[in-house]
């Protein structure tokens, strides 16, 4: 079992590297965000104190390919119908 694990790890290291460069990977990147204020209530000396905390919310995520410090946008797949 240990030998299989070692072979698998060795194979993955070889597979993920090509000429010393890491293969590209996909990353989910936020491309449209906005900030809202969320109200926080804390007790100070048994009296409520209201704080407003800015929170960033993402409206649109986009999958992108990252390769060698270059980012490539992944286009959405077009629906072409059922296979014949």
N, C-alpha and C. Protein backbone atom coordinates (compact mmCIF):
# COMPACT_ATOMS: atom_id res chain seq x y z
N UNK A 1 0.83 -1.20 0.00
CA UNK A 1 0.00 0.00 0.00
C UNK A 1 0.87 1.26 0.00
N UNK A 2 1.94 1.23 0.78
CA UNK A 2 2.83 2.40 0.82
C UNK A 2 3.50 2.60 -0.54
N UNK A 3 3.85 1.49 -1.20
CA UNK A 3 4.50 1.59 -2.51
C UNK A 3 3.55 2.23 -3.52
N UNK A 4 2.29 1.82 -3.48
CA UNK A 4 1.30 2.41 -4.40
C UNK A 4 1.16 3.91 -4.15
N UNK A 5 1.12 4.30 -2.89
CA UNK A 5 1.00 5.71 -2.55
C UNK A 5 2.21 6.49 -3.05
N UNK A 6 3.40 5.94 -2.87
CA UNK A 6 4.61 6.61 -3.33
C UNK A 6 4.63 6.74 -4.85
N UNK A 7 4.23 5.68 -5.54
CA UNK A 7 4.19 5.72 -7.00
C UNK A 7 3.17 6.76 -7.46
N UNK A 8 2.01 6.80 -6.80
CA UNK A 8 0.99 7.78 -7.17
C UNK A 8 1.50 9.20 -6.96
N UNK A 9 2.13 9.47 -5.80
CA UNK A 9 2.65 10.80 -5.54
C UNK A 9 3.73 11.18 -6.54
N UNK A 10 4.61 10.25 -6.86
CA UNK A 10 5.67 10.52 -7.84
C UNK A 10 5.05 10.83 -9.20
N UNK A 11 4.05 10.04 -9.60
CA UNK A 11 3.39 10.25 -10.88
C UNK A 11 2.71 11.62 -10.92
N UNK A 12 2.05 12.03 -9.82
CA UNK A 12 1.38 13.33 -9.78
C UNK A 12 2.39 14.47 -9.88
N UNK A 13 3.53 14.33 -9.22
CA UNK A 13 4.56 15.37 -9.30
C UNK A 13 5.06 15.50 -10.73
N UNK A 14 5.31 14.38 -11.38
CA UNK A 14 5.77 14.41 -12.77
C UNK A 14 4.69 14.98 -13.69
N UNK A 15 3.44 14.57 -13.45
CA UNK A 15 2.34 15.01 -14.31
C UNK A 15 2.08 16.51 -14.18
N UNK A 16 2.19 17.05 -12.96
CA UNK A 16 1.88 18.46 -12.73
C UNK A 16 3.00 19.40 -13.12
N UNK A 17 4.17 18.86 -13.40
CA UNK A 17 5.28 19.71 -13.80
C UNK A 17 5.69 19.38 -15.23
N UNK A 18 5.96 20.41 -15.98
CA UNK A 18 6.39 20.23 -17.36
C UNK A 18 7.53 21.21 -17.59
N UNK A 19 8.72 20.72 -17.77
CA UNK A 19 9.91 21.56 -17.94
C UNK A 19 10.08 22.53 -16.77
N UNK A 20 9.76 22.07 -15.57
CA UNK A 20 9.93 22.91 -14.39
C UNK A 20 8.84 23.94 -14.20
N UNK A 21 7.83 23.96 -15.07
CA UNK A 21 6.74 24.93 -14.95
C UNK A 21 5.49 24.20 -14.46
N UNK A 22 4.80 24.82 -13.54
CA UNK A 22 3.56 24.23 -13.04
C UNK A 22 2.48 24.36 -14.12
N UNK A 23 1.72 23.29 -14.27
CA UNK A 23 0.64 23.29 -15.26
C UNK A 23 -0.43 24.31 -14.85
N UNK A 24 -1.23 24.77 -15.81
CA UNK A 24 -2.27 25.75 -15.49
C UNK A 24 -3.34 25.17 -14.56
N UNK A 25 -3.97 26.03 -13.82
CA UNK A 25 -5.06 25.61 -12.95
C UNK A 25 -6.19 26.63 -13.04
N UNK A 26 -7.39 26.18 -12.73
CA UNK A 26 -8.56 27.06 -12.80
C UNK A 26 -8.76 27.75 -11.47
N UNK A 27 -9.24 28.98 -11.53
CA UNK A 27 -9.46 29.75 -10.32
C UNK A 27 -10.77 30.51 -10.46
N UNK A 28 -11.58 30.49 -9.42
CA UNK A 28 -12.85 31.21 -9.42
C UNK A 28 -12.60 32.62 -8.91
N UNK A 29 -12.70 33.61 -9.78
CA UNK A 29 -12.33 34.98 -9.46
C UNK A 29 -13.57 35.85 -9.43
N UNK A 30 -13.64 36.72 -8.44
CA UNK A 30 -14.75 37.68 -8.35
C UNK A 30 -14.47 38.83 -9.30
N UNK A 31 -15.37 39.05 -10.25
CA UNK A 31 -15.17 40.12 -11.23
C UNK A 31 -16.12 41.30 -11.01
N UNK A 32 -17.11 41.13 -10.15
CA UNK A 32 -18.03 42.24 -9.87
C UNK A 32 -18.43 42.16 -8.40
N UNK A 33 -18.00 43.13 -7.63
CA UNK A 33 -18.31 43.11 -6.21
C UNK A 33 -18.87 44.45 -5.77
N UNK A 34 -19.55 44.44 -4.64
CA UNK A 34 -20.00 45.68 -4.04
C UNK A 34 -19.91 45.55 -2.52
N UNK A 35 -19.88 46.67 -1.85
CA UNK A 35 -19.75 46.68 -0.40
C UNK A 35 -21.06 47.12 0.24
N UNK A 36 -21.48 46.36 1.24
CA UNK A 36 -22.66 46.75 2.01
C UNK A 36 -22.23 46.97 3.45
N UNK A 37 -23.05 47.69 4.18
CA UNK A 37 -22.79 47.92 5.60
C UNK A 37 -23.69 47.00 6.42
N UNK A 38 -23.09 46.16 7.23
CA UNK A 38 -23.83 45.25 8.09
C UNK A 38 -23.81 45.82 9.50
N UNK A 39 -25.00 45.86 10.09
CA UNK A 39 -25.08 46.44 11.42
C UNK A 39 -24.69 45.41 12.47
N UNK A 40 -23.83 45.81 13.38
CA UNK A 40 -23.39 44.94 14.46
C UNK A 40 -23.78 45.60 15.77
N UNK A 41 -24.38 44.80 16.65
CA UNK A 41 -24.79 45.32 17.95
C UNK A 41 -23.91 44.68 19.02
N UNK A 42 -23.25 45.51 19.79
CA UNK A 42 -22.44 45.01 20.90
C UNK A 42 -22.91 45.70 22.18
N UNK A 43 -22.69 45.03 23.29
CA UNK A 43 -23.08 45.59 24.57
C UNK A 43 -21.88 46.22 25.25
N UNK A 44 -22.02 47.48 25.62
CA UNK A 44 -21.00 48.18 26.38
C UNK A 44 -21.66 48.71 27.64
N UNK A 45 -21.22 48.19 28.77
CA UNK A 45 -21.83 48.56 30.07
C UNK A 45 -23.34 48.33 30.05
N UNK A 46 -23.72 47.18 29.52
CA UNK A 46 -25.13 46.76 29.43
C UNK A 46 -26.01 47.68 28.59
N UNK A 47 -25.41 48.45 27.72
CA UNK A 47 -26.21 49.26 26.80
C UNK A 47 -25.75 48.94 25.37
N UNK A 48 -26.70 48.79 24.45
CA UNK A 48 -26.33 48.42 23.08
C UNK A 48 -25.62 49.55 22.34
N UNK A 49 -24.58 49.16 21.63
CA UNK A 49 -23.85 50.10 20.77
C UNK A 49 -23.91 49.54 19.35
N UNK A 50 -24.28 50.38 18.40
CA UNK A 50 -24.44 49.94 17.02
C UNK A 50 -23.22 50.33 16.19
N UNK A 51 -22.66 49.34 15.54
CA UNK A 51 -21.54 49.56 14.62
C UNK A 51 -21.98 49.18 13.21
N UNK A 52 -21.39 49.79 12.22
CA UNK A 52 -21.64 49.40 10.84
C UNK A 52 -20.32 48.89 10.26
N UNK A 53 -20.33 47.62 9.86
CA UNK A 53 -19.12 46.98 9.35
C UNK A 53 -19.26 46.82 7.84
N UNK A 54 -18.29 47.29 7.06
CA UNK A 54 -18.36 47.07 5.61
C UNK A 54 -18.05 45.62 5.26
N UNK A 55 -18.90 45.03 4.44
CA UNK A 55 -18.73 43.65 4.00
C UNK A 55 -18.77 43.64 2.48
N UNK A 56 -17.79 43.00 1.87
CA UNK A 56 -17.72 42.92 0.41
C UNK A 56 -18.48 41.68 -0.04
N UNK A 57 -19.42 41.88 -0.94
CA UNK A 57 -20.21 40.78 -1.50
C UNK A 57 -19.93 40.70 -2.99
N UNK A 58 -19.73 39.48 -3.46
CA UNK A 58 -19.43 39.29 -4.88
C UNK A 58 -20.72 39.01 -5.65
N UNK A 59 -20.97 39.80 -6.68
CA UNK A 59 -22.16 39.62 -7.51
C UNK A 59 -21.92 38.66 -8.67
N UNK A 60 -20.70 38.59 -9.15
CA UNK A 60 -20.42 37.76 -10.33
C UNK A 60 -19.06 37.10 -10.19
N UNK A 61 -19.07 35.77 -10.21
CA UNK A 61 -17.83 35.01 -10.21
C UNK A 61 -17.55 34.54 -11.64
N UNK A 62 -16.30 34.37 -11.94
CA UNK A 62 -15.91 33.92 -13.27
C UNK A 62 -14.73 32.95 -13.13
N UNK A 63 -14.84 31.82 -13.80
CA UNK A 63 -13.73 30.87 -13.78
C UNK A 63 -12.67 31.32 -14.77
N UNK A 64 -11.43 31.30 -14.34
CA UNK A 64 -10.32 31.69 -15.21
C UNK A 64 -9.20 30.67 -15.08
N UNK A 65 -8.42 30.57 -16.13
CA UNK A 65 -7.23 29.71 -16.13
C UNK A 65 -6.03 30.58 -15.77
N UNK A 66 -5.25 30.11 -14.83
CA UNK A 66 -4.04 30.83 -14.43
C UNK A 66 -2.84 29.97 -14.84
N UNK A 67 -1.97 30.53 -15.66
CA UNK A 67 -0.81 29.78 -16.14
C UNK A 67 0.37 30.73 -16.22
N UNK A 68 1.42 30.40 -15.49
CA UNK A 68 2.66 31.19 -15.53
C UNK A 68 2.39 32.68 -15.32
N UNK A 69 1.64 32.99 -14.28
CA UNK A 69 1.31 34.37 -13.92
C UNK A 69 0.47 35.09 -14.98
N UNK A 70 -0.12 34.37 -15.90
CA UNK A 70 -1.02 34.96 -16.90
C UNK A 70 -2.42 34.41 -16.64
N UNK A 71 -3.42 35.27 -16.69
CA UNK A 71 -4.80 34.87 -16.42
C UNK A 71 -5.57 34.85 -17.73
N UNK A 72 -6.23 33.73 -18.00
CA UNK A 72 -7.05 33.59 -19.21
C UNK A 72 -8.50 33.36 -18.78
N UNK A 73 -9.42 34.11 -19.37
CA UNK A 73 -10.83 33.95 -19.06
C UNK A 73 -11.35 32.68 -19.74
N UNK A 74 -12.16 31.92 -19.00
CA UNK A 74 -12.80 30.74 -19.57
C UNK A 74 -14.17 31.16 -20.10
N UNK A 75 -14.38 31.00 -21.39
CA UNK A 75 -15.67 31.38 -21.97
C UNK A 75 -16.72 30.35 -21.56
N UNK A 76 -17.95 30.83 -21.44
CA UNK A 76 -19.04 29.92 -21.09
C UNK A 76 -19.27 28.95 -22.24
N UNK A 77 -19.61 27.72 -21.87
CA UNK A 77 -19.87 26.71 -22.89
C UNK A 77 -21.21 27.00 -23.56
N UNK A 78 -21.23 26.87 -24.86
CA UNK A 78 -22.48 27.08 -25.59
C UNK A 78 -23.25 25.77 -25.63
N UNK A 79 -24.55 25.87 -25.43
CA UNK A 79 -25.38 24.68 -25.51
C UNK A 79 -25.69 24.41 -26.97
N UNK A 80 -25.26 23.26 -27.45
CA UNK A 80 -25.43 22.96 -28.87
C UNK A 80 -26.47 21.88 -29.12
N UNK A 81 -27.13 21.41 -28.06
CA UNK A 81 -28.17 20.41 -28.24
C UNK A 81 -27.69 19.02 -27.87
N UNK A 82 -28.59 18.04 -27.97
CA UNK A 82 -28.24 16.67 -27.58
C UNK A 82 -27.29 16.01 -28.58
N UNK A 83 -26.58 15.01 -28.09
CA UNK A 83 -25.69 14.24 -28.97
C UNK A 83 -26.52 13.38 -29.91
N UNK A 84 -26.05 13.22 -31.13
CA UNK A 84 -26.79 12.41 -32.10
C UNK A 84 -26.20 11.02 -32.17
